Protein backbone atom coordinates (compact mmCIF):
# COMPACT_ATOMS: atom_id res chain seq x y z
CA MET A 1 123.98 121.49 69.01
CA ASP A 2 122.01 120.55 72.23
CA ASP A 3 122.60 117.54 73.97
CA PRO A 4 124.50 115.36 71.04
CA ILE A 5 123.46 111.65 71.52
CA ILE A 6 126.82 110.78 69.65
CA SER A 7 129.91 113.16 70.35
CA CYS A 8 133.19 112.13 69.40
CA GLN A 9 136.07 114.56 70.06
CA ASN A 10 139.51 114.46 68.22
CA VAL A 11 139.47 110.34 68.27
CA TRP A 12 142.56 108.53 67.33
CA LYS A 13 142.73 104.89 66.80
CA ASN A 14 146.07 103.24 65.79
CA PHE A 15 146.98 99.58 64.87
CA ARG A 16 150.51 97.80 64.32
CA LYS A 17 151.49 96.83 60.91
CA ASN A 18 152.16 92.99 60.32
CA SER A 19 151.02 91.93 64.27
CA SER A 20 148.53 89.25 63.74
CA GLY A 21 151.05 86.45 63.22
CA LEU A 22 153.03 87.71 66.20
CA LEU A 23 153.40 85.82 69.82
CA LEU A 24 152.34 87.93 72.98
CA ARG A 25 156.31 88.02 73.91
CA GLN A 26 157.00 89.44 70.43
CA ARG A 27 154.45 91.82 70.69
CA VAL A 28 155.74 93.56 74.08
CA ALA A 29 159.12 93.32 72.82
CA ALA A 30 158.37 95.25 69.43
CA TRP A 31 156.74 97.82 71.99
CA PHE A 32 159.65 98.74 73.51
CA GLU A 33 161.72 99.01 70.02
CA LYS A 34 162.82 102.55 68.85
CA ASP A 35 160.75 102.17 65.66
CA HIS A 36 157.90 101.24 67.31
CA ALA A 37 156.00 104.60 65.90
CA GLU A 38 156.97 103.91 62.78
CA ASN A 39 154.99 100.23 62.73
CA GLU A 40 151.86 101.68 63.40
CA PHE A 41 149.25 102.55 61.23
CA HIS A 42 146.76 105.54 62.01
CA ALA A 43 143.37 104.49 61.00
CA LEU A 44 141.63 107.41 62.33
CA LYS A 45 143.21 110.98 62.76
CA GLY A 46 141.91 113.39 65.41
CA ILE A 47 138.05 112.63 64.27
CA SER A 48 135.86 114.88 65.92
CA PHE A 49 132.21 115.69 65.37
CA GLU A 50 128.72 114.96 67.05
CA ILE A 51 125.17 113.88 66.28
CA ALA A 52 121.54 115.35 67.78
CA ARG A 53 119.13 112.84 68.59
CA GLY A 54 116.93 111.35 66.00
CA GLU A 55 119.68 112.17 62.95
CA GLY A 56 120.75 110.15 60.26
CA LEU A 57 124.61 110.32 59.51
CA ALA A 58 126.81 108.26 56.87
CA ILE A 59 130.20 107.83 56.69
CA VAL A 60 131.68 107.65 52.95
CA GLY A 61 135.08 107.21 52.01
CA GLY A 62 137.03 104.86 49.79
CA ASN A 63 138.89 101.72 51.06
CA GLY A 64 141.36 102.35 54.04
CA ALA A 65 139.46 105.11 54.55
CA GLY A 66 138.71 104.52 58.27
CA LYS A 67 134.84 103.97 57.71
CA SER A 68 134.50 100.82 59.95
CA THR A 69 137.14 101.60 62.34
CA LEU A 70 135.15 104.64 63.36
CA LEU A 71 131.84 102.81 63.62
CA SER A 72 133.47 100.08 65.55
CA VAL A 73 134.59 103.02 67.80
CA VAL A 74 131.38 104.77 68.27
CA ALA A 75 129.70 101.18 68.74
CA GLY A 76 132.08 100.29 71.71
CA LEU A 77 133.77 97.40 69.71
CA VAL A 78 137.20 99.23 70.13
CA PRO A 79 138.25 101.86 72.23
CA PRO A 80 139.59 105.30 71.05
CA ASP A 81 143.62 105.47 71.86
CA ARG A 82 143.16 109.43 72.19
CA GLY A 83 140.28 111.56 72.42
CA THR A 84 136.95 111.17 74.00
CA LEU A 85 133.25 109.39 73.14
CA GLN A 86 130.25 109.87 74.41
CA VAL A 87 127.48 108.09 73.61
CA ARG A 88 123.96 108.63 75.30
CA GLY A 89 121.62 106.01 74.75
CA ARG A 90 121.39 102.16 73.84
CA ILE A 91 123.16 101.05 70.46
CA ALA A 92 122.36 98.11 68.17
CA ALA A 93 125.26 97.44 65.32
CA LEU A 94 125.34 95.53 62.33
CA MET A 95 128.93 95.46 61.76
CA ASP A 96 129.49 92.09 60.48
CA LEU A 97 127.24 89.49 59.40
CA GLY A 98 126.79 86.80 61.87
CA ALA A 99 128.93 88.69 64.64
CA GLY A 100 127.15 87.43 67.60
CA PHE A 101 126.01 84.69 66.44
CA HIS A 102 126.85 80.73 66.73
CA PRO A 103 126.38 78.22 63.91
CA ASP A 104 125.78 75.25 66.02
CA LEU A 105 122.89 76.83 68.00
CA THR A 106 119.35 77.33 66.40
CA GLY A 107 117.87 80.54 65.22
CA ALA A 108 115.88 80.77 68.04
CA GLU A 109 118.90 80.78 70.59
CA ASN A 110 120.31 82.79 68.87
CA VAL A 111 117.83 85.45 69.01
CA TYR A 112 118.18 85.32 72.87
CA ILE A 113 121.97 85.31 72.96
CA ASN A 114 122.15 88.26 70.41
CA ALA A 115 119.34 90.10 72.03
CA ALA A 116 121.28 89.43 75.26
CA LEU A 117 124.24 90.93 73.88
CA LEU A 118 122.26 93.91 72.81
CA GLY A 119 120.95 94.55 76.27
CA LEU A 120 117.70 93.21 76.14
CA THR A 121 116.26 90.91 79.10
CA GLU A 122 115.28 87.77 78.53
CA ALA A 123 111.19 88.38 79.37
CA ARG A 124 111.36 91.38 76.59
CA THR A 125 112.90 89.20 74.10
CA ARG A 126 110.39 86.43 74.93
CA ASP A 127 107.68 89.74 73.93
CA ALA A 128 109.50 90.48 71.36
CA PHE A 129 110.23 87.01 69.81
CA ASP A 130 107.12 86.60 67.40
CA SER A 131 107.79 90.04 65.93
CA ILE A 132 111.49 89.18 65.51
CA VAL A 133 110.84 85.82 63.67
CA ALA A 134 107.82 87.36 61.39
CA PHE A 135 109.99 90.24 60.13
CA ALA A 136 112.90 87.85 59.61
CA GLY A 137 110.74 85.83 57.00
CA ILE A 138 112.14 82.47 58.26
CA GLY A 139 109.45 81.14 60.82
CA GLU A 140 109.88 77.20 59.42
CA TYR A 141 113.20 77.60 60.18
CA ILE A 142 113.95 79.48 63.24
CA ASP A 143 114.35 76.39 65.12
CA GLU A 144 117.06 74.69 62.64
CA PRO A 145 121.07 75.16 63.50
CA LEU A 146 122.44 78.68 61.95
CA ARG A 147 124.82 76.57 59.63
CA ALA A 148 121.93 75.77 57.84
CA TYR A 149 121.19 79.29 57.10
CA SER A 150 122.12 81.06 53.83
CA SER A 151 123.82 84.30 54.44
CA GLY A 152 120.53 86.36 53.26
CA MET A 153 118.35 84.22 56.16
CA SER A 154 121.35 85.02 58.87
CA LEU A 155 121.20 88.57 57.75
CA ARG A 156 117.33 88.80 57.45
CA LEU A 157 117.42 87.46 61.46
CA ALA A 158 120.36 89.40 62.78
CA PHE A 159 118.77 93.04 61.11
CA SER A 160 115.25 91.90 62.94
CA VAL A 161 116.62 91.23 66.27
CA ALA A 162 118.53 94.44 65.92
CA VAL A 163 115.96 96.65 64.87
CA ASN A 164 113.10 95.02 67.45
CA VAL A 165 115.26 95.28 70.42
CA ASP A 166 114.13 99.12 69.98
CA PRO A 167 117.86 100.67 70.21
CA ASP A 168 118.22 104.76 70.06
CA ILE A 169 120.83 104.30 67.80
CA LEU A 170 121.17 101.75 65.20
CA ILE A 171 124.69 101.42 63.46
CA VAL A 172 124.83 99.59 59.88
CA ASP A 173 128.05 98.65 57.97
CA GLU A 174 127.11 97.57 54.86
CA VAL A 175 125.61 94.27 55.40
CA LEU A 176 122.05 95.17 54.19
CA ALA A 177 123.69 94.67 50.30
CA VAL A 178 123.61 91.23 51.25
CA GLY A 179 120.31 90.55 51.12
CA ASP A 180 117.84 90.24 48.05
CA THR A 181 116.12 92.87 46.71
CA GLU A 182 112.61 92.81 48.48
CA PHE A 183 114.12 92.49 51.75
CA GLN A 184 116.77 95.19 51.36
CA ALA A 185 113.18 97.55 50.58
CA GLN A 186 111.65 96.02 53.62
CA CYS A 187 114.79 97.21 55.54
CA LEU A 188 114.86 100.39 54.19
CA GLU A 189 111.24 101.17 55.11
CA LYS A 190 111.83 99.74 58.74
CA ILE A 191 114.93 102.30 58.72
CA ARG A 192 112.85 105.18 57.63
CA GLY A 193 110.04 103.79 60.28
CA PHE A 194 112.70 103.90 62.96
CA ARG A 195 113.88 107.57 61.92
CA ARG A 196 110.44 108.86 62.03
CA CYS A 197 110.18 107.76 65.64
CA GLY A 198 113.00 110.12 66.42
CA LYS A 199 115.98 107.55 66.70
CA THR A 200 119.48 108.27 65.47
CA PHE A 201 120.88 105.82 62.24
CA LEU A 202 124.92 105.74 61.54
CA CYS A 203 125.61 104.01 58.43
CA VAL A 204 128.47 102.92 56.16
CA SER A 205 127.24 102.53 52.54
CA HIS A 206 128.50 103.22 49.03
CA ASN A 207 124.71 103.26 47.43
CA ARG A 208 124.07 106.74 47.00
CA ALA A 209 120.20 106.51 47.13
CA THR A 210 120.06 104.38 50.05
CA VAL A 211 122.63 107.43 52.03
CA GLU A 212 120.13 110.31 50.75
CA ASN A 213 116.99 108.59 51.24
CA LEU A 214 117.99 107.52 55.12
CA CYS A 215 120.36 110.23 56.19
CA ASP A 216 120.52 114.17 56.83
CA ARG A 217 124.12 114.94 57.10
CA ALA A 218 127.70 112.85 55.75
CA LEU A 219 131.39 112.56 56.86
CA TRP A 220 133.77 112.29 54.13
CA LEU A 221 137.16 110.32 55.56
CA ASP A 222 139.93 109.77 53.87
CA HIS A 223 143.06 107.77 55.31
CA GLY A 224 141.93 108.27 58.40
CA GLU A 225 141.27 112.00 58.31
CA LEU A 226 138.14 113.93 58.10
CA ILE A 227 137.93 115.80 54.79
CA MET A 228 134.56 116.95 54.92
CA HIS A 229 131.40 116.90 57.14
CA GLY A 230 127.93 118.51 56.26
CA ASP A 231 124.71 118.11 54.59
CA VAL A 232 124.45 114.65 52.84
CA ARG A 233 124.39 115.57 49.17
CA GLU A 234 126.94 118.49 49.25
CA VAL A 235 128.97 115.78 50.82
CA LEU A 236 128.48 113.16 48.52
CA ASP A 237 129.00 115.72 44.78
CA ALA A 238 132.46 116.50 46.77
CA TYR A 239 133.65 112.67 47.62
CA GLU A 240 132.51 111.53 43.91
CA GLY A 241 133.47 114.63 42.02
CA ARG A 242 137.08 113.87 43.81
CA VAL A 243 136.55 110.22 43.08
CA ARG A 244 135.77 110.86 39.12
CA SER A 245 138.72 113.08 38.94
């Protein structure tokens, strides 16, 4: 593959089991225990793949397969423990509904903050502001605090910011399932236009029709391991065949 926009080589990501309630001194002590390796959970196990500019790639698999972890590594939200990841371009990621938003700030204020987190200058955000609000369809509420928004309204605003900052790579982790049918159709058409412009799309979705419509290839993960990588329909057929059996 010539000049991949994303190159993931032998990436591992580990998490420590049952560590969320430990104090810092307990975590440090646990690190030096002899059974340290036994208390680790391997979320990703030597994952390698590349994505060319303009490609659409879906990540499929059951619960606990490592799909969201892999997206988080690619998006730069968590570092890999081993292996290398190279990304050539600006990423906009919709990983978690409301991520980067503050409930006590207005929709307008959250637009500027979220756009800044995605790398947009204040001047460029001002230029894109009207387009962001128009696509989100929440013009009359844009100066209301975000805590007054429904989950669907928050999603509209988050997606609108992500696609209007003109990223090179758009990452979506199942959050579009929150929106209503009309908005889902609007989002899908926006992503298709994004793809037609030669941009790269990476997603996790359990909706086969959506995946086939938006992606060229797919990765199938199972318990952190890469099971299959190839044409989107071939991978989906193999994965669904395994699920049915």
